[in-house]
C-alpha atoms as a PDB file:
ATOM      1  CA  MET A   1     -43.887 -72.213  20.790  1.00  0.00           C
ATOM      2  CA  SER A   2     -40.335 -73.732  22.211  1.00  0.00           C
ATOM      3  CA  GLU A   3     -37.604 -71.623  22.179  1.00  0.00           C
ATOM      4  CA  PRO A   4     -34.273 -72.175  20.879  1.00  0.00           C
ATOM      5  CA  ASP A   5     -31.787 -73.718  23.077  1.00  0.00           C
ATOM      6  CA  LYS A   6     -29.630 -70.851  23.871  1.00  0.00           C
ATOM      7  CA  ASN A   7     -26.491 -73.167  24.417  1.00  0.00           C
ATOM      8  CA  ALA A   8     -26.841 -74.367  21.675  1.00  0.00           C
ATOM      9  CA  SER A   9     -27.122 -70.595  19.639  1.00  0.00           C
ATOM     10  CA  ASP A  10     -24.119 -69.390  22.308  1.00  0.00           C
ATOM     11  CA  SER A  11     -21.753 -71.856  21.022  1.00  0.00           C
ATOM     12  CA  GLU A  12     -22.476 -71.318  17.117  1.00  0.00           C
ATOM     13  CA  LEU A  13     -22.203 -67.653  18.018  1.00  0.00           C
ATOM     14  CA  ARG A  14     -18.648 -68.071  19.886  1.00  0.00           C
ATOM     15  CA  ALA A  15     -17.383 -70.258  17.275  1.00  0.00           C
ATOM     16  CA  ARG A  16     -18.344 -67.519  14.215  1.00  0.00           C
ATOM     17  CA  LEU A  17     -16.660 -65.330  16.530  1.00  0.00           C
ATOM     18  CA  GLY A  18     -13.721 -66.800  16.716  1.00  0.00           C
ATOM     19  CA  SER A  19     -13.375 -67.400  13.147  1.00  0.00           C
ATOM     20  CA  LEU A  20     -13.922 -64.039  12.619  1.00  0.00           C
ATOM     21  CA  LYS A  21     -11.327 -62.664  14.679  1.00  0.00           C
ATOM     22  CA  THR A  22      -9.103 -65.297  13.206  1.00  0.00           C
ATOM     23  CA  ALA A  23      -9.636 -64.100  10.121  1.00  0.00           C
ATOM     24  CA  LEU A  24      -9.298 -60.305  10.579  1.00  0.00           C
ATOM     25  CA  GLY A  25      -5.774 -61.440  12.696  1.00  0.00           C
ATOM     26  CA  GLN A  26      -4.497 -62.608   9.098  1.00  0.00           C
ATOM     27  CA  ALA A  27      -6.348 -60.393   7.129  1.00  0.00           C
ATOM     28  CA  GLU A  28      -4.487 -57.144   9.220  1.00  0.00           C
ATOM     29  CA  GLY A  29      -1.068 -58.834   9.135  1.00  0.00           C
ATOM     30  CA  GLY A  30      -0.736 -59.152   5.319  1.00  0.00           C
ATOM     31  CA  GLU A  31      -0.364 -56.298   3.237  1.00  0.00           C
ATOM     32  CA  LYS A  32      -2.556 -54.089   2.211  1.00  0.00           C
ATOM     33  CA  PRO A  33      -3.124 -53.603  -1.506  1.00  0.00           C
ATOM     34  CA  GLY A  34      -1.768 -50.196  -3.464  1.00  0.00           C
ATOM     35  CA  ALA A  35       0.376 -49.924  -0.225  1.00  0.00           C
ATOM     36  CA  SER A  36       3.649 -48.319  -1.381  1.00  0.00           C
ATOM     37  CA  PRO A  37       6.716 -48.930   1.027  1.00  0.00           C
ATOM     38  CA  ALA A  38       6.666 -46.644   4.311  1.00  0.00           C
ATOM     39  CA  GLY A  39       9.738 -45.112   3.456  1.00  0.00           C
ATOM     40  CA  LYS A  40       9.056 -43.379   0.554  1.00  0.00           C
ATOM     41  CA  ASP A  41       5.732 -42.643   1.719  1.00  0.00           C
ATOM     42  CA  GLY A  42       7.194 -40.951   5.387  1.00  0.00           C
ATOM     43  CA  ALA A  43      10.152 -39.281   2.756  1.00  0.00           C
ATOM     44  CA  MET A  44       6.803 -37.094   0.711  1.00  0.00           C
ATOM     45  CA  VAL A  45       4.720 -36.916   3.563  1.00  0.00           C
ATOM     46  CA  GLY A  46       7.640 -35.100   5.311  1.00  0.00           C
ATOM     47  CA  ALA A  47       8.607 -33.111   2.394  1.00  0.00           C
ATOM     48  CA  VAL A  48       4.840 -31.826   1.379  1.00  0.00           C
ATOM     49  CA  SER A  49       4.193 -30.920   5.116  1.00  0.00           C
ATOM     50  CA  SER A  50       7.538 -28.576   4.778  1.00  0.00           C
ATOM     51  CA  GLY A  51       6.337 -27.319   1.586  1.00  0.00           C
ATOM     52  CA  PHE A  52       2.493 -26.096   3.021  1.00  0.00           C
ATOM     53  CA  ARG A  53       4.717 -24.943   6.048  1.00  0.00           C
ATOM     54  CA  ALA A  54       6.551 -22.701   4.557  1.00  0.00           C
ATOM     55  CA  ALA A  55       4.393 -21.453   1.785  1.00  0.00           C
ATOM     56  CA  THR A  56       1.991 -20.793   5.085  1.00  0.00           C
ATOM     57  CA  ASP A  57       4.273 -19.115   6.992  1.00  0.00           C
ATOM     58  CA  LEU A  58       5.448 -16.551   3.736  1.00  0.00           C
ATOM     59  CA  ALA A  59       1.248 -16.213   2.791  1.00  0.00           C
ATOM     60  CA  GLY A  60       0.665 -15.671   6.536  1.00  0.00           C
ATOM     61  CA  GLY A  61       4.111 -12.628   7.638  1.00  0.00           C
ATOM     62  CA  ILE A  62       2.551 -11.223   4.161  1.00  0.00           C
ATOM     63  CA  ILE A  63      -1.128 -11.233   4.910  1.00  0.00           C
ATOM     64  CA  ALA A  64      -0.767 -10.112   8.814  1.00  0.00           C
ATOM     65  CA  GLY A  65       1.700  -7.315   7.353  1.00  0.00           C
ATOM     66  CA  ALA A  66      -1.064  -5.940   4.976  1.00  0.00           C
ATOM     67  CA  LEU A  67      -3.891  -6.042   7.974  1.00  0.00           C
ATOM     68  CA  ILE A  68      -1.929  -3.926  10.008  1.00  0.00           C
ATOM     69  CA  GLY A  69      -0.695  -1.474   7.873  1.00  0.00           C
ATOM     70  CA  ILE A  70      -4.496  -1.128   6.621  1.00  0.00           C
ATOM     71  CA  LEU A  71      -5.793  -1.178  10.221  1.00  0.00           C
ATOM     72  CA  ALA A  72      -2.828   1.791  10.798  1.00  0.00           C
ATOM     73  CA  ASP A  73      -3.377   3.591   8.112  1.00  0.00           C
ATOM     74  CA  ARG A  74      -7.444   3.902   8.570  1.00  0.00           C
ATOM     75  CA  TRP A  75      -6.419   4.606  12.180  1.00  0.00           C
ATOM     76  CA  LEU A  76      -4.293   7.824  11.412  1.00  0.00           C
ATOM     77  CA  GLY A  77      -5.165   8.715   8.067  1.00  0.00           C
ATOM     78  CA  THR A  78      -2.196   8.171   6.000  1.00  0.00           C
ATOM     79  CA  SER A  79      -3.251   6.372   3.336  1.00  0.00           C
ATOM     80  CA  PRO A  80      -0.675   3.993   2.062  1.00  0.00           C
ATOM     81  CA  PHE A  81       2.324   4.910   3.387  1.00  0.00           C
ATOM     82  CA  LEU A  82       1.893   2.584   6.967  1.00  0.00           C
ATOM     83  CA  LEU A  83       0.575  -0.214   4.403  1.00  0.00           C
ATOM     84  CA  ILE A  84       3.618  -0.331   2.556  1.00  0.00           C
ATOM     85  CA  ILE A  85       5.927  -0.192   5.542  1.00  0.00           C
ATOM     86  CA  PHE A  86       4.071  -2.651   6.982  1.00  0.00           C
ATOM     87  CA  LEU A  87       3.952  -5.078   3.977  1.00  0.00           C
ATOM     88  CA  VAL A  88       7.214  -5.322   3.421  1.00  0.00           C
ATOM     89  CA  ILE A  89       7.792  -5.834   7.544  1.00  0.00           C
ATOM     90  CA  GLY A  90       5.219  -8.889   6.546  1.00  0.00           C
ATOM     91  CA  ALA A  91       7.336 -10.060   4.078  1.00  0.00           C
ATOM     92  CA  ILE A  92      10.348 -10.119   5.155  1.00  0.00           C
ATOM     93  CA  ALA A  93       8.991 -12.083   8.273  1.00  0.00           C
ATOM     94  CA  GLY A  94       7.810 -14.573   6.262  1.00  0.00           C
ATOM     95  CA  LEU A  95      10.631 -14.949   4.157  1.00  0.00           C
ATOM     96  CA  ARG A  96      12.934 -15.374   7.730  1.00  0.00           C
ATOM     97  CA  SER A  97      10.472 -17.916   8.802  1.00  0.00           C
ATOM     98  CA  VAL A  98      11.038 -20.081   5.515  1.00  0.00           C
ATOM     99  CA  TYR A  99      14.604 -19.120   6.280  1.00  0.00           C
ATOM    100  CA  ARG A 100      14.615 -20.995   9.327  1.00  0.00           C
ATOM    101  CA  LEU A 101      12.793 -23.755   8.517  1.00  0.00           C
ATOM    102  CA  GLY A 102      14.761 -24.618   5.362  1.00  0.00           C
ATOM    103  CA  SER A 103      18.156 -24.283   7.516  1.00  0.00           C
ATOM    104  CA  ARG A 104      16.776 -26.239   9.997  1.00  0.00           C
ATOM    105  CA  PRO A 105      18.568 -30.239  10.408  1.00  0.00           C
ATOM    106  CA  THR A 106      16.368 -33.154   8.656  1.00  0.00           C
ATOM    107  CA  SER A 107      15.880 -35.985  10.904  1.00  0.00           C
ATOM    108  CA  GLY A 108      19.049 -37.902   8.667  1.00  0.00           C
ATOM    109  CA  SER A 109      21.586 -35.166   9.667  1.00  0.00           C
ATOM    110  CA  LYS A 110      23.916 -35.375  12.528  1.00  0.00           C
ATOM    111  CA  ASP A 111      24.452 -31.551  12.838  1.00  0.00           C
ATOM    112  CA  GLY A 112      23.189 -29.641  15.548  1.00  0.00           C
ATOM    113  CA  ALA A 113      19.821 -26.558  16.048  1.00  0.00           C
ATOM    114  CA  PRO A 114      20.865 -23.716  13.696  1.00  0.00           C
ATOM    115  CA  LYS A 115      22.366 -20.817  15.659  1.00  0.00           C
ATOM    116  CA  ASP A 116      20.136 -17.514  14.283  1.00  0.00           C
END
């Protein structure tokens, strides 16, 4: 059996590769279907990110305070006393963190950092 001409097959593959690169470049340059303007998406992503961070800061403070209170109560045998104290401390810490997040200047403002 005769082998196919390698030069012919290489040139065909190179031509196909070139046309594929051209088509890919045109597809990347065009607008993707269903895409919205970048400004609206960027603002929405930033707002959602800040909201999730505020929620996790608050929940984390409360949960951490409760866990510390439970462990301290078991260790010292003062059943609900330290749980209540550390739960309040955790809630205050979480609320302070949310307040600091909310009082932070946004990217569009010209103010400096908040003075805590």
